[in-house]
Amino acid sequence: MIAEASIADAGETIALWRACGLVRPWNDPMADFHLALESGSSTILIARAGEVLAGSAMIGFDGHRGWVYYVAVAEAQRGTGLGRKLMTAAEEWLRARGCPKIQLMVRTSNHDAIGFYEALGLDRQEVVTLGRFLK
């Protein structure tokens, strides 16, 4: 079952993100988790296999397009369709808020993730992502 996370899910969810290699030294996953739940325009979806956290997806809507981050599926649950279910739930969450488009970023070296998203019908976009830290 897929449901919205609560603050009580933070430690277990971040442990999953770490196990899936999604955390980078320059990001504070605890701050990301709390900000997603505190903002009215974002959430984190989680899926459990029994009592064990099996997957997650962070979703946000900026008023123009929806973004998906921290899509994670526990190693033992890969190949079960859970990643597809999480992405479907993310799209439903965004559609319910009037979002016209979904986007996500994947490192160019992550060929497995790119293949997964392309199999779901997402297309590569002809854009360059630019950024700077505000801290």
N, C-alpha and C. Protein backbone atom coordinates (compact mmCIF):
# COMPACT_ATOMS: atom_id res chain seq x y z
N MET A 1 0.83 -1.18 0.00
CA MET A 1 0.00 0.00 0.00
C MET A 1 0.88 1.25 0.00
N ILE A 2 0.51 2.23 -0.79
CA ILE A 2 1.24 3.48 -0.88
C ILE A 2 0.46 4.54 -0.11
N ALA A 3 1.18 5.28 0.75
CA ALA A 3 0.55 6.33 1.56
C ALA A 3 1.52 7.49 1.71
N GLU A 4 1.00 8.61 2.16
CA GLU A 4 1.87 9.75 2.44
C GLU A 4 2.64 9.48 3.72
N ALA A 5 3.90 9.86 3.72
CA ALA A 5 4.77 9.66 4.88
C ALA A 5 4.38 10.63 5.99
N SER A 6 4.79 10.29 7.20
CA SER A 6 4.68 11.19 8.34
C SER A 6 6.08 11.44 8.88
N ILE A 7 6.19 12.38 9.77
CA ILE A 7 7.49 12.69 10.38
C ILE A 7 8.09 11.43 11.01
N ALA A 8 7.27 10.56 11.55
CA ALA A 8 7.75 9.32 12.18
C ALA A 8 8.46 8.40 11.19
N ASP A 9 8.24 8.59 9.90
CA ASP A 9 8.86 7.75 8.87
C ASP A 9 10.23 8.27 8.43
N ALA A 10 10.67 9.39 8.96
CA ALA A 10 11.89 10.05 8.47
C ALA A 10 13.11 9.15 8.52
N GLY A 11 13.43 8.60 9.67
CA GLY A 11 14.66 7.80 9.81
C GLY A 11 14.70 6.61 8.87
N GLU A 12 13.62 5.88 8.81
CA GLU A 12 13.54 4.70 7.95
C GLU A 12 13.61 5.08 6.47
N THR A 13 12.96 6.18 6.10
CA THR A 13 12.96 6.62 4.71
C THR A 13 14.35 7.08 4.29
N ILE A 14 15.00 7.84 5.13
CA ILE A 14 16.35 8.32 4.81
C ILE A 14 17.33 7.16 4.74
N ALA A 15 17.16 6.16 5.59
CA ALA A 15 18.00 4.96 5.51
C ALA A 15 17.82 4.27 4.16
N LEU A 16 16.59 4.23 3.66
CA LEU A 16 16.34 3.65 2.33
C LEU A 16 17.02 4.48 1.26
N TRP A 17 16.89 5.81 1.34
CA TRP A 17 17.56 6.68 0.36
C TRP A 17 19.06 6.43 0.35
N ARG A 18 19.64 6.29 1.53
CA ARG A 18 21.09 6.02 1.61
C ARG A 18 21.42 4.66 0.99
N ALA A 19 20.63 3.64 1.30
CA ALA A 19 20.87 2.30 0.77
C ALA A 19 20.77 2.27 -0.75
N CYS A 20 19.94 3.14 -1.30
CA CYS A 20 19.75 3.21 -2.76
C CYS A 20 20.72 4.17 -3.43
N GLY A 21 21.61 4.79 -2.67
CA GLY A 21 22.62 5.68 -3.24
C GLY A 21 22.08 7.02 -3.71
N LEU A 22 20.98 7.49 -3.10
CA LEU A 22 20.36 8.73 -3.54
C LEU A 22 20.84 9.97 -2.79
N VAL A 23 21.53 9.78 -1.68
CA VAL A 23 21.96 10.91 -0.85
C VAL A 23 23.36 11.36 -1.29
N ARG A 24 23.51 12.66 -1.40
CA ARG A 24 24.79 13.25 -1.77
C ARG A 24 25.30 14.09 -0.61
N PRO A 25 26.61 14.23 -0.48
CA PRO A 25 27.17 14.96 0.68
C PRO A 25 26.69 16.40 0.79
N TRP A 26 26.34 17.02 -0.31
CA TRP A 26 25.92 18.42 -0.27
C TRP A 26 24.44 18.59 0.03
N ASN A 27 23.69 17.49 0.13
CA ASN A 27 22.26 17.55 0.48
C ASN A 27 22.05 17.03 1.89
N ASP A 28 21.16 17.64 2.62
CA ASP A 28 20.78 17.19 3.95
C ASP A 28 19.45 16.46 3.81
N PRO A 29 19.45 15.13 3.79
CA PRO A 29 18.21 14.40 3.54
C PRO A 29 17.15 14.64 4.62
N MET A 30 17.57 14.86 5.86
CA MET A 30 16.59 15.13 6.92
C MET A 30 15.90 16.47 6.66
N ALA A 31 16.66 17.48 6.26
CA ALA A 31 16.06 18.77 5.93
C ALA A 31 15.13 18.62 4.72
N ASP A 32 15.55 17.85 3.71
CA ASP A 32 14.70 17.61 2.54
C ASP A 32 13.39 16.95 2.95
N PHE A 33 13.49 15.94 3.81
CA PHE A 33 12.30 15.21 4.26
C PHE A 33 11.33 16.15 4.97
N HIS A 34 11.83 16.89 5.94
CA HIS A 34 10.96 17.79 6.71
C HIS A 34 10.36 18.88 5.84
N LEU A 35 11.15 19.46 4.97
CA LEU A 35 10.64 20.53 4.10
C LEU A 35 9.53 20.00 3.19
N ALA A 36 9.70 18.79 2.66
CA ALA A 36 8.68 18.21 1.79
C ALA A 36 7.36 18.03 2.53
N LEU A 37 7.42 17.61 3.79
CA LEU A 37 6.18 17.38 4.54
C LEU A 37 5.57 18.68 5.07
N GLU A 38 6.39 19.69 5.26
CA GLU A 38 5.89 20.96 5.81
C GLU A 38 5.31 21.87 4.74
N SER A 39 5.66 21.66 3.51
CA SER A 39 5.18 22.50 2.42
C SER A 39 3.85 21.95 1.91
N GLY A 40 2.92 22.81 1.63
CA GLY A 40 1.65 22.35 1.09
C GLY A 40 1.72 21.91 -0.35
N SER A 41 2.84 22.15 -1.00
CA SER A 41 2.97 21.82 -2.42
C SER A 41 3.85 20.60 -2.68
N SER A 42 4.14 19.83 -1.63
CA SER A 42 4.97 18.64 -1.80
C SER A 42 4.61 17.60 -0.75
N THR A 43 5.07 16.39 -1.00
CA THR A 43 4.87 15.29 -0.05
C THR A 43 5.89 14.20 -0.34
N ILE A 44 5.88 13.19 0.49
CA ILE A 44 6.67 11.98 0.26
C ILE A 44 5.71 10.80 0.34
N LEU A 45 5.71 10.00 -0.70
CA LEU A 45 4.93 8.77 -0.70
C LEU A 45 5.83 7.63 -0.28
N ILE A 46 5.29 6.73 0.52
CA ILE A 46 6.05 5.55 0.93
C ILE A 46 5.20 4.30 0.70
N ALA A 47 5.90 3.20 0.51
CA ALA A 47 5.25 1.89 0.33
C ALA A 47 5.90 0.92 1.30
N ARG A 48 5.09 0.09 1.89
CA ARG A 48 5.60 -0.92 2.82
C ARG A 48 5.31 -2.32 2.31
N ALA A 49 6.21 -3.23 2.62
CA ALA A 49 6.01 -4.66 2.40
C ALA A 49 5.90 -5.25 3.80
N GLY A 50 4.70 -5.42 4.27
CA GLY A 50 4.50 -5.79 5.66
C GLY A 50 4.85 -4.58 6.53
N GLU A 51 5.76 -4.77 7.44
CA GLU A 51 6.18 -3.69 8.33
C GLU A 51 7.42 -2.96 7.82
N VAL A 52 8.01 -3.46 6.74
CA VAL A 52 9.28 -2.92 6.24
C VAL A 52 9.04 -1.89 5.15
N LEU A 53 9.74 -0.76 5.25
CA LEU A 53 9.66 0.25 4.21
C LEU A 53 10.28 -0.30 2.94
N ALA A 54 9.52 -0.31 1.86
CA ALA A 54 9.98 -0.90 0.60
C ALA A 54 10.27 0.12 -0.48
N GLY A 55 9.67 1.32 -0.38
CA GLY A 55 9.89 2.30 -1.44
C GLY A 55 9.43 3.69 -1.04
N SER A 56 9.91 4.67 -1.80
CA SER A 56 9.51 6.06 -1.55
C SER A 56 9.60 6.87 -2.83
N ALA A 57 8.91 8.00 -2.82
CA ALA A 57 9.02 9.01 -3.88
C ALA A 57 8.64 10.36 -3.28
N MET A 58 9.50 11.34 -3.44
CA MET A 58 9.20 12.71 -3.01
C MET A 58 8.63 13.44 -4.22
N ILE A 59 7.53 14.18 -4.01
CA ILE A 59 6.84 14.85 -5.11
C ILE A 59 6.61 16.30 -4.75
N GLY A 60 6.79 17.17 -5.72
CA GLY A 60 6.48 18.58 -5.51
C GLY A 60 5.87 19.19 -6.76
N PHE A 61 5.03 20.20 -6.55
CA PHE A 61 4.39 20.92 -7.65
C PHE A 61 4.73 22.39 -7.48
N ASP A 62 5.45 22.94 -8.45
CA ASP A 62 5.89 24.34 -8.34
C ASP A 62 4.91 25.32 -8.96
N GLY A 63 3.74 24.84 -9.37
CA GLY A 63 2.75 25.69 -9.99
C GLY A 63 2.82 25.66 -11.51
N HIS A 64 3.91 25.13 -12.03
CA HIS A 64 4.10 25.04 -13.48
C HIS A 64 4.27 23.58 -13.91
N ARG A 65 5.03 22.83 -13.12
CA ARG A 65 5.24 21.41 -13.42
C ARG A 65 5.50 20.66 -12.13
N GLY A 66 5.32 19.37 -12.21
CA GLY A 66 5.58 18.51 -11.05
C GLY A 66 6.98 17.92 -11.14
N TRP A 67 7.57 17.74 -9.99
CA TRP A 67 8.91 17.16 -9.90
C TRP A 67 8.88 15.94 -8.99
N VAL A 68 9.68 14.96 -9.33
CA VAL A 68 9.80 13.75 -8.52
C VAL A 68 11.26 13.56 -8.15
N TYR A 69 11.48 13.29 -6.87
CA TYR A 69 12.84 13.10 -6.33
C TYR A 69 12.84 11.87 -5.43
N TYR A 70 14.01 11.41 -5.10
CA TYR A 70 14.18 10.33 -4.12
C TYR A 70 13.28 9.12 -4.40
N VAL A 71 13.18 8.73 -5.66
CA VAL A 71 12.46 7.50 -5.98
C VAL A 71 13.39 6.35 -5.59
N ALA A 72 12.95 5.57 -4.63
CA ALA A 72 13.79 4.51 -4.08
C ALA A 72 12.96 3.25 -3.91
N VAL A 73 13.53 2.13 -4.29
CA VAL A 73 12.91 0.82 -4.05
C VAL A 73 13.97 -0.07 -3.41
N ALA A 74 13.62 -0.65 -2.27
CA ALA A 74 14.54 -1.54 -1.57
C ALA A 74 14.98 -2.67 -2.49
N GLU A 75 16.21 -3.07 -2.34
CA GLU A 75 16.80 -4.12 -3.19
C GLU A 75 15.89 -5.35 -3.27
N ALA A 76 15.34 -5.79 -2.15
CA ALA A 76 14.51 -6.99 -2.11
C ALA A 76 13.20 -6.82 -2.87
N GLN A 77 12.79 -5.59 -3.14
CA GLN A 77 11.52 -5.33 -3.81
C GLN A 77 11.67 -4.98 -5.29
N ARG A 78 12.89 -4.89 -5.77
CA ARG A 78 13.10 -4.52 -7.16
C ARG A 78 12.61 -5.62 -8.08
N GLY A 79 12.00 -5.22 -9.18
CA GLY A 79 11.47 -6.17 -10.13
C GLY A 79 10.04 -6.61 -9.81
N THR A 80 9.45 -6.05 -8.78
CA THR A 80 8.09 -6.43 -8.38
C THR A 80 7.03 -5.47 -8.92
N GLY A 81 7.46 -4.41 -9.57
CA GLY A 81 6.51 -3.41 -10.05
C GLY A 81 6.28 -2.27 -9.07
N LEU A 82 6.98 -2.29 -7.94
CA LEU A 82 6.78 -1.26 -6.93
C LEU A 82 7.21 0.12 -7.44
N GLY A 83 8.31 0.20 -8.17
CA GLY A 83 8.75 1.48 -8.72
C GLY A 83 7.69 2.08 -9.64
N ARG A 84 7.11 1.25 -10.47
CA ARG A 84 6.04 1.68 -11.38
C ARG A 84 4.83 2.17 -10.58
N LYS A 85 4.48 1.44 -9.51
CA LYS A 85 3.34 1.84 -8.67
C LYS A 85 3.61 3.18 -7.99
N LEU A 86 4.83 3.39 -7.52
CA LEU A 86 5.17 4.67 -6.89
C LEU A 86 5.07 5.81 -7.90
N MET A 87 5.56 5.60 -9.11
CA MET A 87 5.47 6.65 -10.12
C MET A 87 4.02 6.91 -10.52
N THR A 88 3.20 5.88 -10.60
CA THR A 88 1.78 6.07 -10.89
C THR A 88 1.12 6.89 -9.78
N ALA A 89 1.43 6.56 -8.53
CA ALA A 89 0.88 7.31 -7.40
C ALA A 89 1.36 8.75 -7.42
N ALA A 90 2.62 8.97 -7.80
CA ALA A 90 3.15 10.34 -7.89
C ALA A 90 2.38 11.12 -8.96
N GLU A 91 2.16 10.50 -10.10
CA GLU A 91 1.40 11.17 -11.17
C GLU A 91 -0.02 11.48 -10.72
N GLU A 92 -0.65 10.56 -10.02
CA GLU A 92 -2.01 10.80 -9.53
C GLU A 92 -2.04 11.96 -8.54
N TRP A 93 -1.05 12.03 -7.66
CA TRP A 93 -0.96 13.12 -6.68
C TRP A 93 -0.84 14.46 -7.41
N LEU A 94 -0.01 14.48 -8.45
CA LEU A 94 0.18 15.72 -9.21
C LEU A 94 -1.07 16.08 -10.02
N ARG A 95 -1.68 15.11 -10.67
CA ARG A 95 -2.91 15.37 -11.44
C ARG A 95 -4.01 15.95 -10.55
N ALA A 96 -4.12 15.45 -9.34
CA ALA A 96 -5.14 15.92 -8.41
C ALA A 96 -4.95 17.39 -8.05
N ARG A 97 -3.76 17.92 -8.28
CA ARG A 97 -3.46 19.32 -8.00
C ARG A 97 -3.42 20.17 -9.27
N GLY A 98 -3.87 19.59 -10.39
CA GLY A 98 -3.92 20.33 -11.64
C GLY A 98 -2.59 20.46 -12.35
N CYS A 99 -1.65 19.63 -12.01
CA CYS A 99 -0.32 19.70 -12.61
C CYS A 99 -0.36 19.14 -14.04
N PRO A 100 0.17 19.90 -15.03
CA PRO A 100 0.10 19.46 -16.42
C PRO A 100 1.27 18.59 -16.88
N LYS A 101 2.38 18.58 -16.12
CA LYS A 101 3.58 17.89 -16.61
C LYS A 101 4.41 17.39 -15.45
N ILE A 102 5.01 16.22 -15.62
CA ILE A 102 5.90 15.66 -14.60
C ILE A 102 7.32 15.65 -15.14
N GLN A 103 8.27 15.98 -14.28
CA GLN A 103 9.67 15.96 -14.65
C GLN A 103 10.50 15.41 -13.50
N LEU A 104 11.67 14.91 -13.83
CA LEU A 104 12.62 14.48 -12.82
C LEU A 104 14.01 14.57 -13.41
N MET A 105 14.97 14.55 -12.54
CA MET A 105 16.37 14.62 -12.97
C MET A 105 17.05 13.30 -12.61
N VAL A 106 17.87 12.81 -13.53
CA VAL A 106 18.63 11.58 -13.33
C VAL A 106 20.06 11.87 -13.77
N ARG A 107 21.00 11.42 -12.98
CA ARG A 107 22.41 11.58 -13.37
C ARG A 107 22.65 10.82 -14.67
N THR A 108 23.39 11.41 -15.58
CA THR A 108 23.63 10.80 -16.89
C THR A 108 24.30 9.43 -16.78
N SER A 109 25.00 9.18 -15.70
CA SER A 109 25.67 7.89 -15.50
C SER A 109 24.75 6.80 -14.97
N ASN A 110 23.53 7.14 -14.59
CA ASN A 110 22.61 6.17 -14.00
C ASN A 110 21.73 5.55 -15.10
N HIS A 111 22.34 4.66 -15.86
CA HIS A 111 21.67 4.06 -17.01
C HIS A 111 20.46 3.22 -16.63
N ASP A 112 20.52 2.53 -15.48
CA ASP A 112 19.38 1.72 -15.05
C ASP A 112 18.16 2.60 -14.79
N ALA A 113 18.37 3.71 -14.09
CA ALA A 113 17.24 4.62 -13.79
C ALA A 113 16.70 5.23 -15.08
N ILE A 114 17.58 5.63 -15.97
CA ILE A 114 17.12 6.22 -17.24
C ILE A 114 16.27 5.21 -18.00
N GLY A 115 16.72 3.98 -18.06
CA GLY A 115 15.96 2.93 -18.73
C GLY A 115 14.61 2.69 -18.08
N PHE A 116 14.57 2.71 -16.75
CA PHE A 116 13.32 2.54 -16.02
C PHE A 116 12.33 3.64 -16.39
N TYR A 117 12.77 4.89 -16.34
CA TYR A 117 11.86 6.01 -16.63
C TYR A 117 11.45 6.03 -18.09
N GLU A 118 12.34 5.68 -18.99
CA GLU A 118 11.96 5.62 -20.40
C GLU A 118 10.92 4.52 -20.63
N ALA A 119 11.06 3.40 -19.92
CA ALA A 119 10.07 2.31 -20.04
C ALA A 119 8.70 2.75 -19.54
N LEU A 120 8.67 3.75 -18.66
CA LEU A 120 7.40 4.30 -18.16
C LEU A 120 6.83 5.36 -19.09
N GLY A 121 7.55 5.66 -20.17
CA GLY A 121 7.04 6.62 -21.14
C GLY A 121 7.55 8.04 -20.95
N LEU A 122 8.51 8.24 -20.06
CA LEU A 122 9.10 9.57 -19.92
C LEU A 122 10.15 9.75 -21.00
N ASP A 123 10.23 10.94 -21.54
CA ASP A 123 11.16 11.24 -22.62
C ASP A 123 12.30 12.11 -22.12
N ARG A 124 13.46 11.95 -22.74
CA ARG A 124 14.58 12.84 -22.45
C ARG A 124 14.21 14.24 -22.94
N GLN A 125 14.54 15.22 -22.15
CA GLN A 125 14.21 16.60 -22.47
C GLN A 125 15.46 17.32 -22.96
N GLU A 126 15.30 18.19 -23.90
CA GLU A 126 16.41 18.96 -24.46
C GLU A 126 16.62 20.22 -23.63
N VAL A 127 17.08 20.03 -22.39
CA VAL A 127 17.35 21.15 -21.49
C VAL A 127 18.68 20.92 -20.79
N VAL A 128 19.22 21.98 -20.27
CA VAL A 128 20.40 21.91 -19.43
C VAL A 128 19.97 22.41 -18.06
N THR A 129 20.31 21.67 -17.04
CA THR A 129 19.97 22.10 -15.68
C THR A 129 21.13 22.89 -15.13
N LEU A 130 20.84 24.09 -14.69
CA LEU A 130 21.84 24.96 -14.07
C LEU A 130 21.46 25.17 -12.62
N GLY A 131 22.41 25.41 -11.75
CA GLY A 131 22.08 25.59 -10.36
C GLY A 131 23.20 26.25 -9.57
N ARG A 132 22.84 26.63 -8.37
CA ARG A 132 23.81 27.21 -7.43
C ARG A 132 23.22 27.04 -6.03
N PHE A 133 24.08 26.76 -5.07
CA PHE A 133 23.62 26.66 -3.69
C PHE A 133 23.38 28.05 -3.13
N LEU A 134 22.34 28.21 -2.34
CA LEU A 134 21.97 29.50 -1.77
C LEU A 134 22.45 29.66 -0.32
N LYS A 135 23.16 28.69 0.19
CA LYS A 135 23.65 28.76 1.57
C LYS A 135 24.93 29.55 1.64
